[in-house]
Amino acid sequence: EEDEDEDPHVPDAAERAMLREEFTSRMYQRFLDGEDGDFDYSQVDENPDLDNLDIVSRDAEERYFDEEEPSDAPQLE
C-alpha cells in the first residue's frame, strides 16, 4: 500500500525538458504516421502547392533514367 501522505514526484528542470522533448518527438512522429484523428491529411496530401519541388524534380529525373534502355558506353581511344 502506498502512503497517501507521501508527496508525488515533482520532476526537476532537466527531467521536465527531457519529458517535453520525448512528448514532442512522439507527437511529431504520430502526426507524420497519419495517426492524428483531428487533422484532415487530404488537404495536405492532395495540394500540389505544398510539394517539395526539389523532390518532385528528382523523382521525375529518376523515372526518366529508369525508363531508359541500358547501353554500352562508347570506347575511348
PDB file of N, CA and C in Angstrom:
ATOM      1  N   GLU A   1       0.825  -1.181   0.000  1.00  0.00           N
ATOM      2  CA  GLU A   1       0.000   0.000   0.000  1.00  0.00           C
ATOM      3  C   GLU A   1       0.867   1.241   0.000  1.00  0.00           C
ATOM      4  N   GLU A   2       0.435   2.211  -0.767  1.00  0.00           N
ATOM      5  CA  GLU A   2       1.173   3.474  -0.798  1.00  0.00           C
ATOM      6  C   GLU A   2       0.666   4.381   0.300  1.00  0.00           C
ATOM      7  N   ASP A   3       1.565   5.161   0.835  1.00  0.00           N
ATOM      8  CA  ASP A   3       1.199   6.124   1.860  1.00  0.00           C
ATOM      9  C   ASP A   3       0.576   7.328   1.176  1.00  0.00           C
ATOM     10  N   GLU A   4      -0.671   7.629   1.485  1.00  0.00           N
ATOM     11  CA  GLU A   4      -1.362   8.741   0.839  1.00  0.00           C
ATOM     12  C   GLU A   4      -0.787  10.090   1.235  1.00  0.00           C
ATOM     13  N   ASP A   5      -0.057  10.158   2.317  1.00  0.00           N
ATOM     14  CA  ASP A   5       0.539  11.413   2.766  1.00  0.00           C
ATOM     15  C   ASP A   5       1.822  11.739   2.020  1.00  0.00           C
ATOM     16  N   GLU A   6       2.336  10.767   1.281  1.00  0.00           N
ATOM     17  CA  GLU A   6       3.602  10.942   0.577  1.00  0.00           C
ATOM     18  C   GLU A   6       3.422  11.922  -0.590  1.00  0.00           C
ATOM     19  N   ASP A   7       4.371  12.836  -0.761  1.00  0.00           N
ATOM     20  CA  ASP A   7       4.311  13.811  -1.850  1.00  0.00           C
ATOM     21  C   ASP A   7       4.576  13.120  -3.183  1.00  0.00           C
ATOM     22  N   PRO A   8       3.847  13.506  -4.221  1.00  0.00           N
ATOM     23  CA  PRO A   8       4.113  12.931  -5.549  1.00  0.00           C
ATOM     24  C   PRO A   8       5.461  13.436  -6.067  1.00  0.00           C
ATOM     25  N   HIS A   9       6.042  12.670  -6.971  1.00  0.00           N
ATOM     26  CA  HIS A   9       7.329  13.048  -7.561  1.00  0.00           C
ATOM     27  C   HIS A   9       7.159  14.320  -8.397  1.00  0.00           C
ATOM     28  N   VAL A  10       7.997  15.272  -8.150  1.00  0.00           N
ATOM     29  CA  VAL A  10       7.997  16.515  -8.924  1.00  0.00           C
ATOM     30  C   VAL A  10       9.302  16.552  -9.716  1.00  0.00           C
ATOM     31  N   PRO A  11       9.210  16.487 -11.048  1.00  0.00           N
ATOM     32  CA  PRO A  11      10.444  16.455 -11.846  1.00  0.00           C
ATOM     33  C   PRO A  11      11.189  17.791 -11.783  1.00  0.00           C
ATOM     34  N   ASP A  12      12.516  17.688 -11.837  1.00  0.00           N
ATOM     35  CA  ASP A  12      13.321  18.911 -11.875  1.00  0.00           C
ATOM     36  C   ASP A  12      13.356  19.444 -13.302  1.00  0.00           C
ATOM     37  N   ALA A  13      14.041  20.560 -13.505  1.00  0.00           N
ATOM     38  CA  ALA A  13      14.048  21.227 -14.815  1.00  0.00           C
ATOM     39  C   ALA A  13      14.617  20.324 -15.909  1.00  0.00           C
ATOM     40  N   ALA A  14      15.670  19.585 -15.624  1.00  0.00           N
ATOM     41  CA  ALA A  14      16.284  18.711 -16.633  1.00  0.00           C
ATOM     42  C   ALA A  14      15.330  17.587 -17.022  1.00  0.00           C
ATOM     43  N   GLU A  15      14.654  17.017 -16.030  1.00  0.00           N
ATOM     44  CA  GLU A  15      13.711  15.936 -16.315  1.00  0.00           C
ATOM     45  C   GLU A  15      12.498  16.457 -17.087  1.00  0.00           C
ATOM     46  N   ARG A  16      12.026  17.650 -16.740  1.00  0.00           N
ATOM     47  CA  ARG A  16      10.909  18.252 -17.481  1.00  0.00           C
ATOM     48  C   ARG A  16      11.302  18.488 -18.934  1.00  0.00           C
ATOM     49  N   ALA A  17      12.524  18.969 -19.161  1.00  0.00           N
ATOM     50  CA  ALA A  17      12.991  19.213 -20.532  1.00  0.00           C
ATOM     51  C   ALA A  17      13.048  17.904 -21.318  1.00  0.00           C
ATOM     52  N   MET A  18      13.538  16.832 -20.667  1.00  0.00           N
ATOM     53  CA  MET A  18      13.628  15.540 -21.330  1.00  0.00           C
ATOM     54  C   MET A  18      12.216  15.009 -21.640  1.00  0.00           C
ATOM     55  N   LEU A  19      11.299  15.140 -20.687  1.00  0.00           N
ATOM     56  CA  LEU A  19       9.933  14.683 -20.907  1.00  0.00           C
ATOM     57  C   LEU A  19       9.240  15.488 -21.997  1.00  0.00           C
ATOM     58  N   ARG A  20       9.483  16.785 -22.038  1.00  0.00           N
ATOM     59  CA  ARG A  20       8.901  17.635 -23.083  1.00  0.00           C
ATOM     60  C   ARG A  20       9.433  17.214 -24.453  1.00  0.00           C
ATOM     61  N   GLU A  21      10.725  16.951 -24.538  1.00  0.00           N
ATOM     62  CA  GLU A  21      11.340  16.524 -25.808  1.00  0.00           C
ATOM     63  C   GLU A  21      10.766  15.182 -26.256  1.00  0.00           C
ATOM     64  N   GLU A  22      10.604  14.250 -25.327  1.00  0.00           N
ATOM     65  CA  GLU A  22      10.044  12.940 -25.658  1.00  0.00           C
ATOM     66  C   GLU A  22       8.592  13.081 -26.133  1.00  0.00           C
ATOM     67  N   PHE A  23       7.806  13.893 -25.452  1.00  0.00           N
ATOM     68  CA  PHE A  23       6.415  14.122 -25.833  1.00  0.00           C
ATOM     69  C   PHE A  23       6.336  14.733 -27.227  1.00  0.00           C
ATOM     70  N   THR A  24       7.138  15.779 -27.461  1.00  0.00           N
ATOM     71  CA  THR A  24       7.137  16.455 -28.759  1.00  0.00           C
ATOM     72  C   THR A  24       7.530  15.490 -29.871  1.00  0.00           C
ATOM     73  N   SER A  25       8.542  14.691 -29.617  1.00  0.00           N
ATOM     74  CA  SER A  25       9.010  13.732 -30.610  1.00  0.00           C
ATOM     75  C   SER A  25       7.934  12.701 -30.938  1.00  0.00           C
ATOM     76  N   ARG A  26       7.282  12.182 -29.912  1.00  0.00           N
ATOM     77  CA  ARG A  26       6.228  11.186 -30.145  1.00  0.00           C
ATOM     78  C   ARG A  26       5.031  11.786 -30.886  1.00  0.00           C
ATOM     79  N   MET A  27       4.641  12.982 -30.518  1.00  0.00           N
ATOM     80  CA  MET A  27       3.502  13.615 -31.179  1.00  0.00           C
ATOM     81  C   MET A  27       3.841  13.960 -32.632  1.00  0.00           C
ATOM     82  N   TYR A  28       5.058  14.415 -32.877  1.00  0.00           N
ATOM     83  CA  TYR A  28       5.506  14.719 -34.232  1.00  0.00           C
ATOM     84  C   TYR A  28       5.460  13.445 -35.084  1.00  0.00           C
ATOM     85  N   GLN A  29       5.990  12.336 -34.553  1.00  0.00           N
ATOM     86  CA  GLN A  29       6.007  11.085 -35.304  1.00  0.00           C
ATOM     87  C   GLN A  29       4.586  10.572 -35.524  1.00  0.00           C
ATOM     88  N   ARG A  30       3.741  10.732 -34.537  1.00  0.00           N
ATOM     89  CA  ARG A  30       2.348  10.313 -34.671  1.00  0.00           C
ATOM     90  C   ARG A  30       1.661  11.089 -35.799  1.00  0.00           C
ATOM     91  N   PHE A  31       1.937  12.375 -35.878  1.00  0.00           N
ATOM     92  CA  PHE A  31       1.377  13.200 -36.951  1.00  0.00           C
ATOM     93  C   PHE A  31       1.892  12.719 -38.308  1.00  0.00           C
ATOM     94  N   LEU A  32       3.212  12.483 -38.400  1.00  0.00           N
ATOM     95  CA  LEU A  32       3.795  12.028 -39.666  1.00  0.00           C
ATOM     96  C   LEU A  32       3.268  10.659 -40.085  1.00  0.00           C
ATOM     97  N   ASP A  33       2.927   9.829 -39.113  1.00  0.00           N
ATOM     98  CA  ASP A  33       2.391   8.499 -39.412  1.00  0.00           C
ATOM     99  C   ASP A  33       0.909   8.537 -39.783  1.00  0.00           C
ATOM    100  N   GLY A  34       0.303   9.726 -39.737  1.00  0.00           N
ATOM    101  CA  GLY A  34      -1.098   9.866 -40.113  1.00  0.00           C
ATOM    102  C   GLY A  34      -2.070   9.429 -39.046  1.00  0.00           C
ATOM    103  N   GLU A  35      -1.643   9.448 -37.786  1.00  0.00           N
ATOM    104  CA  GLU A  35      -2.482   8.961 -36.696  1.00  0.00           C
ATOM    105  C   GLU A  35      -3.197  10.072 -35.939  1.00  0.00           C
ATOM    106  N   ASP A  36      -3.130  11.295 -36.406  1.00  0.00           N
ATOM    107  CA  ASP A  36      -3.797  12.410 -35.735  1.00  0.00           C
ATOM    108  C   ASP A  36      -5.216  12.516 -36.282  1.00  0.00           C
ATOM    109  N   GLY A  37      -6.180  12.025 -35.517  1.00  0.00           N
ATOM    110  CA  GLY A  37      -7.562  11.967 -35.971  1.00  0.00           C
ATOM    111  C   GLY A  37      -8.218  13.324 -36.157  1.00  0.00           C
ATOM    112  N   ASP A  38      -7.647  14.365 -35.559  1.00  0.00           N
ATOM    113  CA  ASP A  38      -8.241  15.701 -35.652  1.00  0.00           C
ATOM    114  C   ASP A  38      -7.771  16.481 -36.875  1.00  0.00           C
ATOM    115  N   PHE A  39      -6.876  15.898 -37.659  1.00  0.00           N
ATOM    116  CA  PHE A  39      -6.302  16.618 -38.797  1.00  0.00           C
ATOM    117  C   PHE A  39      -6.748  15.974 -40.097  1.00  0.00           C
ATOM    118  N   ASP A  40      -7.154  16.796 -41.072  1.00  0.00           N
ATOM    119  CA  ASP A  40      -7.564  16.302 -42.389  1.00  0.00           C
ATOM    120  C   ASP A  40      -6.334  16.242 -43.289  1.00  0.00           C
ATOM    121  N   TYR A  41      -5.714  15.078 -43.354  1.00  0.00           N
ATOM    122  CA  TYR A  41      -4.486  14.899 -44.129  1.00  0.00           C
ATOM    123  C   TYR A  41      -4.702  15.107 -45.626  1.00  0.00           C
ATOM    124  N   SER A  42      -5.915  14.918 -46.111  1.00  0.00           N
ATOM    125  CA  SER A  42      -6.170  15.067 -47.546  1.00  0.00           C
ATOM    126  C   SER A  42      -5.918  16.502 -48.007  1.00  0.00           C
ATOM    127  N   GLN A  43      -6.098  17.483 -47.133  1.00  0.00           N
ATOM    128  CA  GLN A  43      -5.820  18.882 -47.502  1.00  0.00           C
ATOM    129  C   GLN A  43      -4.350  19.088 -47.831  1.00  0.00           C
ATOM    130  N   VAL A  44      -3.495  18.305 -47.227  1.00  0.00           N
ATOM    131  CA  VAL A  44      -2.056  18.408 -47.483  1.00  0.00           C
ATOM    132  C   VAL A  44      -1.643  17.456 -48.600  1.00  0.00           C
ATOM    133  N   ASP A  45      -2.108  16.222 -48.517  1.00  0.00           N
ATOM    134  CA  ASP A  45      -1.705  15.196 -49.481  1.00  0.00           C
ATOM    135  C   ASP A  45      -2.104  15.538 -50.911  1.00  0.00           C
ATOM    136  N   GLU A  46      -3.250  16.182 -51.077  1.00  0.00           N
ATOM    137  CA  GLU A  46      -3.768  16.449 -52.413  1.00  0.00           C
ATOM    138  C   GLU A  46      -3.498  17.869 -52.891  1.00  0.00           C
ATOM    139  N   ASN A  47      -2.650  18.616 -52.190  1.00  0.00           N
ATOM    140  CA  ASN A  47      -2.358  20.003 -52.556  1.00  0.00           C
ATOM    141  C   ASN A  47      -0.972  20.084 -53.204  1.00  0.00           C
ATOM    142  N   PRO A  48      -0.898  20.241 -54.528  1.00  0.00           N
ATOM    143  CA  PRO A  48       0.401  20.284 -55.204  1.00  0.00           C
ATOM    144  C   PRO A  48       1.228  21.518 -54.831  1.00  0.00           C
ATOM    145  N   ASP A  49       0.593  22.559 -54.310  1.00  0.00           N
ATOM    146  CA  ASP A  49       1.339  23.754 -53.902  1.00  0.00           C
ATOM    147  C   ASP A  49       2.245  23.479 -52.712  1.00  0.00           C
ATOM    148  N   LEU A  50       1.994  22.394 -51.989  1.00  0.00           N
ATOM    149  CA  LEU A  50       2.784  22.070 -50.809  1.00  0.00           C
ATOM    150  C   LEU A  50       3.885  21.059 -51.102  1.00  0.00           C
ATOM    151  N   ASP A  51       3.977  20.599 -52.342  1.00  0.00           N
ATOM    152  CA  ASP A  51       5.002  19.623 -52.702  1.00  0.00           C
ATOM    153  C   ASP A  51       6.386  20.273 -52.698  1.00  0.00           C
ATOM    154  N   ASN A  52       7.362  19.513 -52.266  1.00  0.00           N
ATOM    155  CA  ASN A  52       8.751  19.959 -52.298  1.00  0.00           C
ATOM    156  C   ASN A  52       9.239  19.791 -53.739  1.00  0.00           C
ATOM    157  N   LEU A  53       9.455  20.901 -54.425  1.00  0.00           N
ATOM    158  CA  LEU A  53       9.795  20.855 -55.852  1.00  0.00           C
ATOM    159  C   LEU A  53      11.125  20.177 -56.115  1.00  0.00           C
ATOM    160  N   ASP A  54      12.062  20.234 -55.183  1.00  0.00           N
ATOM    161  CA  ASP A  54      13.339  19.533 -55.364  1.00  0.00           C
ATOM    162  C   ASP A  54      13.106  18.024 -55.422  1.00  0.00           C
ATOM    163  N   ILE A  55      12.261  17.521 -54.551  1.00  0.00           N
ATOM    164  CA  ILE A  55      11.968  16.092 -54.532  1.00  0.00           C
ATOM    165  C   ILE A  55      11.175  15.697 -55.769  1.00  0.00           C
ATOM    166  N   VAL A  56      10.205  16.504 -56.166  1.00  0.00           N
ATOM    167  CA  VAL A  56       9.403  16.217 -57.365  1.00  0.00           C
ATOM    168  C   VAL A  56      10.311  16.158 -58.589  1.00  0.00           C
ATOM    169  N   SER A  57      11.233  17.105 -58.702  1.00  0.00           N
ATOM    170  CA  SER A  57      12.159  17.139 -59.823  1.00  0.00           C
ATOM    171  C   SER A  57      13.073  15.913 -59.821  1.00  0.00           C
ATOM    172  N   ARG A  58      13.598  15.561 -58.659  1.00  0.00           N
ATOM    173  CA  ARG A  58      14.486  14.401 -58.558  1.00  0.00           C
ATOM    174  C   ARG A  58      13.727  13.124 -58.900  1.00  0.00           C
ATOM    175  N   ASP A  59      12.476  12.998 -58.437  1.00  0.00           N
ATOM    176  CA  ASP A  59      11.676  11.815 -58.764  1.00  0.00           C
ATOM    177  C   ASP A  59      11.436  11.705 -60.263  1.00  0.00           C
ATOM    178  N   ALA A  60      11.148  12.825 -60.914  1.00  0.00           N
ATOM    179  CA  ALA A  60      10.934  12.820 -62.360  1.00  0.00           C
ATOM    180  C   ALA A  60      12.215  12.421 -63.084  1.00  0.00           C
ATOM    181  N   GLU A  61      13.339  12.923 -62.630  1.00  0.00           N
ATOM    182  CA  GLU A  61      14.626  12.576 -63.237  1.00  0.00           C
ATOM    183  C   GLU A  61      14.919  11.088 -63.064  1.00  0.00           C
ATOM    184  N   GLU A  62      14.651  10.559 -61.883  1.00  0.00           N
ATOM    185  CA  GLU A  62      14.886   9.131 -61.640  1.00  0.00           C
ATOM    186  C   GLU A  62      13.979   8.266 -62.513  1.00  0.00           C
ATOM    187  N   ARG A  63      12.717   8.674 -62.680  1.00  0.00           N
ATOM    188  CA  ARG A  63      11.811   7.922 -63.561  1.00  0.00           C
ATOM    189  C   ARG A  63      12.334   7.931 -65.000  1.00  0.00           C
ATOM    190  N   TYR A  64      12.836   9.082 -65.456  1.00  0.00           N
ATOM    191  CA  TYR A  64      13.362   9.205 -66.812  1.00  0.00           C
ATOM    192  C   TYR A  64      14.514   8.217 -67.021  1.00  0.00           C
ATOM    193  N   PHE A  65      15.458   8.203 -66.084  1.00  0.00           N
ATOM    194  CA  PHE A  65      16.617   7.330 -66.250  1.00  0.00           C
ATOM    195  C   PHE A  65      16.259   5.869 -66.025  1.00  0.00           C
ATOM    196  N   ASP A  66      15.264   5.575 -65.204  1.00  0.00           N
ATOM    197  CA  ASP A  66      14.834   4.195 -65.008  1.00  0.00           C
ATOM    198  C   ASP A  66      14.192   3.638 -66.271  1.00  0.00           C
ATOM    199  N   GLU A  67      13.528   4.496 -67.056  1.00  0.00           N
ATOM    200  CA  GLU A  67      12.866   4.055 -68.277  1.00  0.00           C
ATOM    201  C   GLU A  67      13.843   3.915 -69.448  1.00  0.00           C
ATOM    202  N   GLU A  68      14.994   4.526 -69.358  1.00  0.00           N
ATOM    203  CA  GLU A  68      15.980   4.487 -70.443  1.00  0.00           C
ATOM    204  C   GLU A  68      16.577   3.087 -70.545  1.00  0.00           C
ATOM    205  N   GLU A  69      16.732   2.615 -71.769  1.00  0.00           N
ATOM    206  CA  GLU A  69      17.330   1.309 -72.013  1.00  0.00           C
ATOM    207  C   GLU A  69      18.842   1.381 -71.781  1.00  0.00           C
ATOM    208  N   PRO A  70      19.375   0.421 -71.071  1.00  0.00           N
ATOM    209  CA  PRO A  70      20.832   0.439 -70.849  1.00  0.00           C
ATOM    210  C   PRO A  70      21.573   0.153 -72.151  1.00  0.00           C
ATOM    211  N   SER A  71      22.706   0.781 -72.331  1.00  0.00           N
ATOM    212  CA  SER A  71      23.540   0.547 -73.496  1.00  0.00           C
ATOM    213  C   SER A  71      24.996   0.664 -73.081  1.00  0.00           C
ATOM    214  N   ASP A  72      25.849   0.087 -73.926  1.00  0.00           N
ATOM    215  CA  ASP A  72      27.283   0.159 -73.653  1.00  0.00           C
ATOM    216  C   ASP A  72      27.806   1.552 -73.948  1.00  0.00           C
ATOM    217  N   ALA A  73      28.717   1.996 -73.101  1.00  0.00           N
ATOM    218  CA  ALA A  73      29.332   3.297 -73.304  1.00  0.00           C
ATOM    219  C   ALA A  73      30.300   3.196 -74.469  1.00  0.00           C
ATOM    220  N   PRO A  74      30.453   4.252 -75.244  1.00  0.00           N
ATOM    221  CA  PRO A  74      31.409   4.211 -76.342  1.00  0.00           C
ATOM    222  C   PRO A  74      32.832   4.069 -75.813  1.00  0.00           C
ATOM    223  N   GLN A  75      33.639   3.358 -76.587  1.00  0.00           N
ATOM    224  CA  GLN A  75      35.036   3.145 -76.204  1.00  0.00           C
ATOM    225  C   GLN A  75      35.866   4.381 -76.529  1.00  0.00           C
ATOM    226  N   LEU A  76      36.623   4.823 -75.566  1.00  0.00           N
ATOM    227  CA  LEU A  76      37.514   5.955 -75.784  1.00  0.00           C
ATOM    228  C   LEU A  76      38.876   5.451 -76.218  1.00  0.00           C
ATOM    229  N   GLU A  77      39.457   6.106 -77.190  1.00  0.00           N
ATOM    230  CA  GLU A  77      40.781   5.669 -77.687  1.00  0.00           C
ATOM    231  C   GLU A  77      41.877   6.447 -77.067  1.00  0.00           C
TER     232      GLU A  77
END
